N, C-alpha and C. Protein backbone atom coordinates (compact mmCIF):
# COMPACT_ATOMS: atom_id res chain seq x y z
N UNK A 1 -3.92 9.01 -11.87
CA UNK A 1 -2.04 8.75 -12.55
C UNK A 1 -1.57 9.01 -11.68
N UNK A 2 -1.49 10.01 -10.77
CA UNK A 2 -0.48 10.32 -9.58
C UNK A 2 -0.44 9.26 -8.77
N UNK A 3 -1.63 8.92 -8.17
CA UNK A 3 -1.91 7.91 -7.12
C UNK A 3 -1.57 6.80 -7.52
N UNK A 4 -1.31 6.21 -8.86
CA UNK A 4 -0.85 4.83 -9.33
C UNK A 4 0.53 4.97 -9.20
N UNK A 5 1.25 5.96 -9.61
CA UNK A 5 2.99 5.91 -9.53
C UNK A 5 3.16 5.78 -8.01
N UNK A 6 2.10 6.39 -7.20
CA UNK A 6 2.61 6.58 -5.56
C UNK A 6 2.59 5.26 -5.07
N UNK A 7 1.74 4.74 -5.47
CA UNK A 7 1.50 3.23 -4.93
C UNK A 7 2.18 2.30 -5.57
N UNK A 8 2.00 2.40 -6.93
CA UNK A 8 3.22 1.28 -7.55
C UNK A 8 4.84 1.11 -7.25
N UNK A 9 5.07 2.48 -7.25
CA UNK A 9 6.61 2.52 -6.69
C UNK A 9 6.79 2.61 -5.57
N UNK A 10 5.49 2.01 -4.30
CA UNK A 10 5.50 1.92 -2.82
C UNK A 10 6.26 3.40 -2.45
N UNK A 11 6.08 4.57 -2.82
CA UNK A 11 6.41 5.50 -2.07
C UNK A 11 5.15 5.67 -0.65
N UNK A 12 4.21 5.21 -1.12
CA UNK A 12 3.26 5.40 0.16
C UNK A 12 2.54 4.03 -0.05
N UNK A 13 2.04 3.59 0.93
CA UNK A 13 1.49 2.03 1.19
C UNK A 13 -0.25 2.57 0.78
N UNK A 14 -1.38 1.59 0.21
CA UNK A 14 -2.93 2.05 0.39
C UNK A 14 -3.42 2.48 1.67
N UNK A 15 -2.80 1.54 2.75
CA UNK A 15 -3.07 1.97 3.95
C UNK A 15 -2.96 3.03 4.65
N UNK A 16 -1.69 3.68 4.06
CA UNK A 16 -0.93 4.97 4.82
C UNK A 16 -1.96 6.14 4.14
N UNK A 17 -1.84 5.76 2.56
CA UNK A 17 -2.25 6.98 2.35
C UNK A 17 -4.21 7.39 2.83
N UNK A 18 -4.98 6.01 3.59
CA UNK A 18 -6.16 5.88 3.85
C UNK A 18 -6.00 7.06 5.26
N UNK A 19 -4.82 6.27 5.85
CA UNK A 19 -4.77 7.37 7.14
C UNK A 19 -4.20 8.46 6.99
N UNK A 20 -3.53 9.14 6.57
CA UNK A 20 -3.03 10.12 6.19
C UNK A 20 -4.11 11.57 5.84
N UNK A 21 -5.21 10.42 4.97
CA UNK A 21 -6.55 11.40 4.65
C UNK A 21 -7.17 11.93 5.41
N UNK A 22 -7.33 10.58 6.51
CA UNK A 22 -8.21 10.61 7.75
C UNK A 22 -7.71 11.83 8.62
N UNK A 23 -6.15 11.70 8.80
CA UNK A 23 -5.81 12.78 9.60
C UNK A 23 -5.65 14.01 9.15
N UNK A 24 -5.45 14.53 8.13
CA UNK A 24 -5.46 15.74 7.45
C UNK A 24 -6.79 16.11 7.16
N UNK A 25 -7.70 15.34 6.48
CA UNK A 25 -9.33 15.88 6.55
C UNK A 25 -10.13 15.70 7.48
N UNK A 26 -9.73 15.05 8.21
CA UNK A 26 -10.80 14.82 9.29
C UNK A 26 -12.26 14.09 9.28
N UNK A 27 -13.32 14.77 9.76
CA UNK A 27 -14.66 14.23 9.25
C UNK A 27 -14.74 14.50 7.58
N UNK A 28 -13.93 15.52 7.08
CA UNK A 28 -14.06 15.91 5.31
C UNK A 28 -14.05 14.32 4.57
N UNK A 29 -13.22 13.67 5.37
CA UNK A 29 -12.69 12.45 4.63
C UNK A 29 -13.78 11.16 4.54
N UNK A 30 -14.34 10.76 3.68
CA UNK A 30 -15.11 9.58 3.46
C UNK A 30 -14.58 8.42 2.89
N UNK A 31 -13.86 7.58 3.72
CA UNK A 31 -13.38 6.31 3.21
C UNK A 31 -13.31 5.81 2.28
N UNK A 32 -15.34 5.80 2.40
CA UNK A 32 -15.97 4.62 1.14
C UNK A 32 -16.34 5.57 0.20
N UNK A 33 -16.48 6.71 0.06
CA UNK A 33 -16.76 7.72 -1.16
C UNK A 33 -15.17 7.52 -1.83
N UNK A 34 -14.09 7.54 -0.76
CA UNK A 34 -12.91 7.67 -2.11
C UNK A 34 -12.32 6.66 -2.43
N UNK A 35 -12.99 5.31 -1.54
CA UNK A 35 -12.45 4.09 -2.56
C UNK A 35 -13.53 3.91 -3.45
N UNK A 36 -15.09 4.20 -3.22
CA UNK A 36 -15.57 4.41 -4.81
C UNK A 36 -15.00 4.94 -5.55
N UNK A 37 -14.52 6.70 -5.66
CA UNK A 37 -14.28 7.11 -6.72
C UNK A 37 -12.74 6.54 -7.29
N UNK A 38 -11.86 5.68 -6.83
CA UNK A 38 -10.89 5.19 -7.58
C UNK A 38 -11.06 4.52 -8.43
N UNK A 39 -12.67 3.58 -8.11
CA UNK A 39 -12.71 2.47 -9.05
C UNK A 39 -13.98 2.95 -9.79
N UNK A 40 -14.25 4.19 -9.71
CA UNK A 40 -15.38 5.01 -10.65
C UNK A 40 -14.48 5.49 -12.20
N UNK A 41 -14.72 5.11 -13.35
CA UNK A 41 -14.04 5.83 -14.33
C UNK A 41 -15.39 5.61 -15.74
N UNK A 42 -16.49 5.82 -15.47
CA UNK A 42 -17.55 6.15 -16.24
C UNK A 42 -17.49 7.15 -17.13
N UNK A 43 -16.73 8.70 -16.10
CA UNK A 43 -16.86 9.92 -16.57
C UNK A 43 -15.55 10.61 -16.80
N UNK A 44 -14.25 9.56 -17.18
CA UNK A 44 -13.02 9.57 -17.21
C UNK A 44 -12.56 9.68 -18.78
N UNK A 45 -12.08 10.63 -19.21
CA UNK A 45 -11.53 10.92 -20.38
C UNK A 45 -9.93 10.58 -20.63
N UNK A 46 -9.58 9.86 -21.53
CA UNK A 46 -8.22 9.35 -21.69
C UNK A 46 -7.05 10.30 -22.71
N UNK A 47 -6.37 10.62 -21.97
CA UNK A 47 -5.66 11.23 -22.97
C UNK A 47 -4.02 11.02 -22.73
N UNK A 48 -3.33 11.05 -23.83
CA UNK A 48 -1.67 10.91 -23.43
C UNK A 48 -1.05 12.41 -22.86
N UNK A 49 -0.63 11.71 -21.71
CA UNK A 49 0.67 12.84 -21.10
C UNK A 49 1.71 12.82 -21.52
N UNK A 50 2.71 13.61 -22.05
CA UNK A 50 3.99 13.31 -23.27
C UNK A 50 5.41 13.34 -22.33
N UNK A 51 4.96 13.83 -21.23
CA UNK A 51 6.22 13.93 -20.23
C UNK A 51 6.42 12.04 -19.57
N UNK A 52 5.90 11.61 -19.41
CA UNK A 52 6.20 10.28 -18.78
C UNK A 52 6.93 9.31 -19.34
N UNK A 53 7.84 8.84 -18.33
CA UNK A 53 8.35 7.75 -18.77
C UNK A 53 8.33 6.89 -19.99
N UNK A 54 6.88 6.53 -19.36
CA UNK A 54 6.68 5.14 -19.58
C UNK A 54 5.05 5.49 -20.51
N UNK A 55 4.76 5.01 -21.40
CA UNK A 55 3.04 5.07 -21.35
C UNK A 55 2.33 4.13 -20.99
N UNK A 56 1.36 4.35 -20.33
CA UNK A 56 0.77 3.21 -19.38
C UNK A 56 -0.87 3.52 -19.99
N UNK A 57 -1.25 2.27 -19.93
CA UNK A 57 -2.57 2.17 -20.69
C UNK A 57 -3.72 2.68 -19.53
N UNK A 58 -4.52 3.19 -20.04
CA UNK A 58 -5.80 3.38 -18.67
C UNK A 58 -6.42 2.40 -18.16
N UNK A 59 -6.70 0.87 -18.84
CA UNK A 59 -6.78 -0.01 -18.39
C UNK A 59 -6.03 -0.83 -17.19
N UNK A 60 -4.52 -0.56 -17.20
CA UNK A 60 -3.76 -0.93 -16.41
C UNK A 60 -3.99 -0.12 -14.94
N UNK A 61 -3.80 1.10 -15.53
CA UNK A 61 -4.23 1.87 -13.86
C UNK A 61 -5.29 1.55 -13.22
N UNK A 62 -6.19 1.44 -14.44
CA UNK A 62 -8.09 0.87 -13.69
C UNK A 62 -7.46 -0.16 -12.85
N UNK A 63 -7.18 -1.45 -13.04
CA UNK A 63 -6.98 -2.52 -12.60
C UNK A 63 -6.03 -2.84 -11.63
N UNK A 64 -4.77 -1.62 -11.68
CA UNK A 64 -4.19 -2.03 -10.65
C UNK A 64 -5.25 -0.83 -9.27
N UNK A 65 -5.63 0.30 -9.52
CA UNK A 65 -6.18 0.47 -8.42
C UNK A 65 -7.71 -0.46 -7.91
N UNK A 66 -8.32 -0.85 -9.03
CA UNK A 66 -8.96 -1.82 -8.34
C UNK A 66 -8.83 -2.88 -7.64
N UNK A 67 -7.41 -3.49 -7.70
CA UNK A 67 -6.75 -4.51 -7.12
C UNK A 67 -6.53 -3.81 -5.73
N UNK A 68 -6.11 -2.70 -5.84
CA UNK A 68 -5.59 -1.97 -4.51
C UNK A 68 -6.85 -1.87 -3.61
N UNK A 69 -7.82 -1.32 -4.13
CA UNK A 69 -9.40 -1.17 -3.04
C UNK A 69 -10.04 -2.47 -2.81
N UNK A 70 -9.80 -3.25 -3.44
CA UNK A 70 -10.29 -4.84 -2.77
C UNK A 70 -9.50 -5.57 -2.20
N UNK A 71 -8.10 -5.57 -2.10
CA UNK A 71 -6.93 -5.54 -1.11
C UNK A 71 -7.53 -5.11 0.40
N UNK A 72 -7.72 -3.95 0.05
CA UNK A 72 -7.46 -3.29 0.97
C UNK A 72 -9.33 -3.13 2.02
N UNK A 73 -10.32 -3.49 1.26
CA UNK A 73 -11.44 -4.12 1.29
C UNK A 73 -11.37 -5.35 2.44
N UNK A 74 -10.70 -6.00 1.22
CA UNK A 74 -10.55 -7.48 1.80
C UNK A 74 -10.10 -7.80 3.08
N UNK A 75 -8.80 -6.99 3.65
CA UNK A 75 -8.26 -6.85 4.43
C UNK A 75 -9.15 -6.31 5.89
N UNK A 76 -10.16 -5.23 5.50
CA UNK A 76 -10.66 -5.05 6.44
C UNK A 76 -11.68 -5.45 6.73
N UNK A 77 -12.58 -6.56 6.27
CA UNK A 77 -13.48 -7.46 6.59
C UNK A 77 -12.91 -8.69 7.16
N UNK A 78 -11.68 -8.67 6.90
CA UNK A 78 -11.39 -9.87 7.38
C UNK A 78 -10.52 -9.67 8.84
N UNK A 79 -10.73 -8.29 9.52
CA UNK A 79 -10.18 -7.53 10.50
C UNK A 79 -11.11 -7.34 11.57
N UNK A 80 -12.66 -7.10 10.89
CA UNK A 80 -13.33 -6.56 11.72
C UNK A 80 -14.68 -7.62 11.79
N UNK A 81 -14.46 -8.48 10.65
CA UNK A 81 -15.41 -9.61 10.80
C UNK A 81 -14.78 -11.28 10.38
N UNK A 82 -14.11 -11.39 11.40
CA UNK A 82 -13.41 -12.34 10.95
C UNK A 82 -14.56 -13.82 10.90
N UNK A 83 -13.86 -14.52 10.20
CA UNK A 83 -15.03 -15.93 10.34
C UNK A 83 -14.15 -17.15 10.94
């Protein structure tokens, strides 16, 4: 949920999030694993968070993060394997 708000409110771009993570964690950061974890929701339990200003359905967050990952991977593919 934290990443959703940071990205949605444009406090950080997805590209900057990846770059900062690589810099901070070095070889301990797996970009592939991070992207996979953002879109895997198989074992996530949903519960209400009362202190939020707005109530956001889990599906909205899931859809948003999936679109962020897709946009990032599309840009990566176009950059590294242009047609």
